[in-house]
Amino acid sequence: MIRNAIQRFMYGRYGTDPLNLFFLVLYVLTYFAFALTRFEPLYWVSLVLIFICLFRLLSRNIPRRRAENAKFLQLTTPAVRWFRLQRTIRRDKEHRYFKCPNCGQQLRVPRGKGRITVTCRGCGATFQEKS
């Protein structure tokens, strides 16, 4: 019964998205920093962050919230991709990764083949590398 009431209340409201989760994590970190240091401006910053998060969560202006989230994702996607690529490179013990000197595309070649000629699939450039 209470679940239905919450569902009815949230109907037509924006809800959560990655930007809201970012604000929530930032809120927790700033409040935790405030709890450790008792530096009062951190408390006020954390309070503003939680109000922004709640405002976005309960907003009925869905197109505006989607546009904000799209801008946030546009700004953060390159960094997220870079971190994921670094994690993949670190975990992959069977391949070496190179960047094409011509177009910058990431290329993967098998490890342990000696000096090889790598051909970029994107631009067709060839270069020598040690695998």
C-alpha atoms as a PDB file:
ATOM      1  CA  MET A   1       0.000   0.000   0.000  1.00  0.00           C
ATOM      2  CA  ILE A   2       2.789   2.441   0.877  1.00  0.00           C
ATOM      3  CA  ARG A   3       4.601   1.426  -2.311  1.00  0.00           C
ATOM      4  CA  ASN A   4       1.579   2.481  -4.379  1.00  0.00           C
ATOM      5  CA  ALA A   5       1.464   5.840  -2.602  1.00  0.00           C
ATOM      6  CA  ILE A   6       5.125   6.491  -3.420  1.00  0.00           C
ATOM      7  CA  GLN A   7       4.575   5.426  -7.028  1.00  0.00           C
ATOM      8  CA  ARG A   8       1.577   7.759  -7.334  1.00  0.00           C
ATOM      9  CA  PHE A   9       3.557  10.616  -5.777  1.00  0.00           C
ATOM     10  CA  MET A  10       6.506  10.115  -8.153  1.00  0.00           C
ATOM     11  CA  TYR A  11       4.313   9.835 -11.255  1.00  0.00           C
ATOM     12  CA  GLY A  12       5.237  12.658 -13.655  1.00  0.00           C
ATOM     13  CA  ARG A  13       8.374  13.557 -11.718  1.00  0.00           C
ATOM     14  CA  TYR A  14      11.895  13.245 -13.079  1.00  0.00           C
ATOM     15  CA  GLY A  15      13.484  10.744 -10.694  1.00  0.00           C
ATOM     16  CA  THR A  16      17.169   9.926 -10.615  1.00  0.00           C
ATOM     17  CA  ASP A  17      19.939   9.948 -13.196  1.00  0.00           C
ATOM     18  CA  PRO A  18      23.776   9.979 -13.243  1.00  0.00           C
ATOM     19  CA  LEU A  19      23.916  13.711 -12.461  1.00  0.00           C
ATOM     20  CA  ASN A  20      21.728  13.182  -9.395  1.00  0.00           C
ATOM     21  CA  LEU A  21      23.955  10.316  -8.280  1.00  0.00           C
ATOM     22  CA  PHE A  22      26.984  12.576  -8.726  1.00  0.00           C
ATOM     23  CA  PHE A  23      25.358  15.259  -6.551  1.00  0.00           C
ATOM     24  CA  LEU A  24      24.456  12.630  -3.954  1.00  0.00           C
ATOM     25  CA  VAL A  25      28.019  11.283  -3.760  1.00  0.00           C
ATOM     26  CA  LEU A  26      29.360  14.840  -3.581  1.00  0.00           C
ATOM     27  CA  TYR A  27      26.902  15.548  -0.765  1.00  0.00           C
ATOM     28  CA  VAL A  28      28.051  12.505   1.206  1.00  0.00           C
ATOM     29  CA  LEU A  29      31.720  13.435   0.746  1.00  0.00           C
ATOM     30  CA  THR A  30      31.249  17.062   1.777  1.00  0.00           C
ATOM     31  CA  TYR A  31      29.116  16.124   4.773  1.00  0.00           C
ATOM     32  CA  PHE A  32      31.694  13.530   5.826  1.00  0.00           C
ATOM     33  CA  ALA A  33      34.437  16.183   5.487  1.00  0.00           C
ATOM     34  CA  PHE A  34      32.313  18.533   7.589  1.00  0.00           C
ATOM     35  CA  ALA A  35      31.809  15.841  10.245  1.00  0.00           C
ATOM     36  CA  LEU A  36      35.571  15.326  10.473  1.00  0.00           C
ATOM     37  CA  THR A  37      36.659  18.966  10.403  1.00  0.00           C
ATOM     38  CA  ARG A  38      33.628  20.876  11.758  1.00  0.00           C
ATOM     39  CA  PHE A  39      34.376  23.509   9.099  1.00  0.00           C
ATOM     40  CA  GLU A  40      30.952  25.128   8.846  1.00  0.00           C
ATOM     41  CA  PRO A  41      31.035  26.189   5.153  1.00  0.00           C
ATOM     42  CA  LEU A  42      31.251  22.492   4.237  1.00  0.00           C
ATOM     43  CA  TYR A  43      27.958  21.942   6.040  1.00  0.00           C
ATOM     44  CA  TRP A  44      26.274  24.673   3.988  1.00  0.00           C
ATOM     45  CA  VAL A  45      27.745  23.339   0.740  1.00  0.00           C
ATOM     46  CA  SER A  46      26.480  19.849   1.583  1.00  0.00           C
ATOM     47  CA  LEU A  47      23.048  21.275   2.394  1.00  0.00           C
ATOM     48  CA  VAL A  48      22.892  23.052  -0.987  1.00  0.00           C
ATOM     49  CA  LEU A  49      23.952  19.833  -2.743  1.00  0.00           C
ATOM     50  CA  ILE A  50      21.211  17.746  -1.117  1.00  0.00           C
ATOM     51  CA  PHE A  51      18.615  20.412  -1.967  1.00  0.00           C
ATOM     52  CA  ILE A  52      19.759  20.417  -5.600  1.00  0.00           C
ATOM     53  CA  CYS A  53      19.531  16.625  -5.626  1.00  0.00           C
ATOM     54  CA  LEU A  54      16.017  16.641  -4.153  1.00  0.00           C
ATOM     55  CA  PHE A  55      14.894  19.447  -6.463  1.00  0.00           C
ATOM     56  CA  ARG A  56      16.040  17.496  -9.536  1.00  0.00           C
ATOM     57  CA  LEU A  57      14.538  14.262  -8.194  1.00  0.00           C
ATOM     58  CA  LEU A  58      11.097  15.775  -7.628  1.00  0.00           C
ATOM     59  CA  SER A  59      11.075  18.120 -10.630  1.00  0.00           C
ATOM     60  CA  ARG A  60       8.250  17.943 -13.158  1.00  0.00           C
ATOM     61  CA  ASN A  61      10.280  19.802 -15.807  1.00  0.00           C
ATOM     62  CA  ILE A  62      11.549  16.594 -17.389  1.00  0.00           C
ATOM     63  CA  PRO A  63      12.998  18.069 -20.636  1.00  0.00           C
ATOM     64  CA  ARG A  64      15.119  20.537 -18.661  1.00  0.00           C
ATOM     65  CA  ARG A  65      16.453  17.814 -16.315  1.00  0.00           C
ATOM     66  CA  ARG A  66      17.254  15.576 -19.317  1.00  0.00           C
ATOM     67  CA  ALA A  67      19.156  18.417 -20.961  1.00  0.00           C
ATOM     68  CA  GLU A  68      21.166  18.994 -17.764  1.00  0.00           C
ATOM     69  CA  ASN A  69      21.981  15.290 -17.561  1.00  0.00           C
ATOM     70  CA  ALA A  70      22.956  15.158 -21.251  1.00  0.00           C
ATOM     71  CA  LYS A  71      25.370  18.069 -20.749  1.00  0.00           C
ATOM     72  CA  PHE A  72      26.845  16.358 -17.682  1.00  0.00           C
ATOM     73  CA  LEU A  73      27.312  13.102 -19.602  1.00  0.00           C
ATOM     74  CA  GLN A  74      28.845  14.989 -22.533  1.00  0.00           C
ATOM     75  CA  LEU A  75      31.423  16.501 -20.168  1.00  0.00           C
ATOM     76  CA  THR A  76      32.224  13.318 -18.234  1.00  0.00           C
ATOM     77  CA  THR A  77      32.120  10.647 -20.982  1.00  0.00           C
ATOM     78  CA  PRO A  78      35.692  11.234 -22.268  1.00  0.00           C
ATOM     79  CA  ALA A  79      37.146  10.814 -18.769  1.00  0.00           C
ATOM     80  CA  VAL A  80      35.036   7.706 -18.105  1.00  0.00           C
ATOM     81  CA  ARG A  81      36.124   6.157 -21.420  1.00  0.00           C
ATOM     82  CA  TRP A  82      39.779   6.915 -20.660  1.00  0.00           C
ATOM     83  CA  PHE A  83      39.578   5.261 -17.211  1.00  0.00           C
ATOM     84  CA  ARG A  84      37.819   2.208 -18.653  1.00  0.00           C
ATOM     85  CA  LEU A  85      40.471   1.882 -21.386  1.00  0.00           C
ATOM     86  CA  GLN A  86      43.249   2.107 -18.797  1.00  0.00           C
ATOM     87  CA  ARG A  87      41.572  -0.605 -16.745  1.00  0.00           C
ATOM     88  CA  THR A  88      41.231  -2.809 -19.838  1.00  0.00           C
ATOM     89  CA  ILE A  89      44.880  -2.290 -20.772  1.00  0.00           C
ATOM     90  CA  ARG A  90      46.011  -3.112 -17.224  1.00  0.00           C
ATOM     91  CA  ARG A  91      43.931  -6.313 -17.085  1.00  0.00           C
ATOM     92  CA  ASP A  92      44.724  -7.581 -20.602  1.00  0.00           C
ATOM     93  CA  LYS A  93      47.955  -9.603 -20.361  1.00  0.00           C
ATOM     94  CA  GLU A  94      47.693 -11.124 -23.845  1.00  0.00           C
ATOM     95  CA  HIS A  95      47.746  -7.906 -25.906  1.00  0.00           C
ATOM     96  CA  ARG A  96      49.670  -4.644 -26.265  1.00  0.00           C
ATOM     97  CA  TYR A  97      47.847  -1.406 -27.022  1.00  0.00           C
ATOM     98  CA  PHE A  98      49.170   1.312 -29.306  1.00  0.00           C
ATOM     99  CA  LYS A  99      47.829   4.637 -30.475  1.00  0.00           C
ATOM    100  CA  CYS A 100      47.971   5.327 -34.217  1.00  0.00           C
ATOM    101  CA  PRO A 101      50.367   8.245 -34.798  1.00  0.00           C
ATOM    102  CA  ASN A 102      48.229   9.446 -37.702  1.00  0.00           C
ATOM    103  CA  CYS A 103      44.624   9.410 -36.423  1.00  0.00           C
ATOM    104  CA  GLY A 104      44.993   8.547 -32.693  1.00  0.00           C
ATOM    105  CA  GLN A 105      42.855   5.388 -32.762  1.00  0.00           C
ATOM    106  CA  GLN A 106      43.660   2.721 -30.155  1.00  0.00           C
ATOM    107  CA  LEU A 107      45.025  -0.484 -31.697  1.00  0.00           C
ATOM    108  CA  ARG A 108      45.453  -3.872 -30.028  1.00  0.00           C
ATOM    109  CA  VAL A 109      48.095  -6.421 -31.099  1.00  0.00           C
ATOM    110  CA  PRO A 110      49.099  -9.778 -29.594  1.00  0.00           C
ATOM    111  CA  ARG A 111      51.997  -9.751 -27.131  1.00  0.00           C
ATOM    112  CA  GLY A 112      55.271 -11.535 -27.746  1.00  0.00           C
ATOM    113  CA  LYS A 113      55.429 -11.403 -31.558  1.00  0.00           C
ATOM    114  CA  GLY A 114      58.625  -9.316 -31.684  1.00  0.00           C
ATOM    115  CA  ARG A 115      58.907  -6.284 -33.938  1.00  0.00           C
ATOM    116  CA  ILE A 116      55.786  -6.093 -36.098  1.00  0.00           C
ATOM    117  CA  THR A 117      54.212  -3.763 -38.620  1.00  0.00           C
ATOM    118  CA  VAL A 118      50.914  -2.417 -37.319  1.00  0.00           C
ATOM    119  CA  THR A 119      48.312  -1.198 -39.800  1.00  0.00           C
ATOM    120  CA  CYS A 120      45.635   1.158 -38.507  1.00  0.00           C
ATOM    121  CA  ARG A 121      42.118   0.044 -39.404  1.00  0.00           C
ATOM    122  CA  GLY A 122      40.848   3.604 -39.273  1.00  0.00           C
ATOM    123  CA  CYS A 123      43.211   5.455 -41.595  1.00  0.00           C
ATOM    124  CA  GLY A 124      45.408   2.730 -43.135  1.00  0.00           C
ATOM    125  CA  ALA A 125      48.684   4.124 -41.766  1.00  0.00           C
ATOM    126  CA  THR A 126      51.437   1.583 -41.030  1.00  0.00           C
ATOM    127  CA  PHE A 127      54.120   1.810 -38.381  1.00  0.00           C
ATOM    128  CA  GLN A 128      56.627  -0.464 -36.647  1.00  0.00           C
ATOM    129  CA  GLU A 129      56.172  -1.421 -32.995  1.00  0.00           C
ATOM    130  CA  LYS A 130      57.572  -4.032 -30.601  1.00  0.00           C
ATOM    131  CA  SER A 131      54.879  -6.320 -29.274  1.00  0.00           C
END
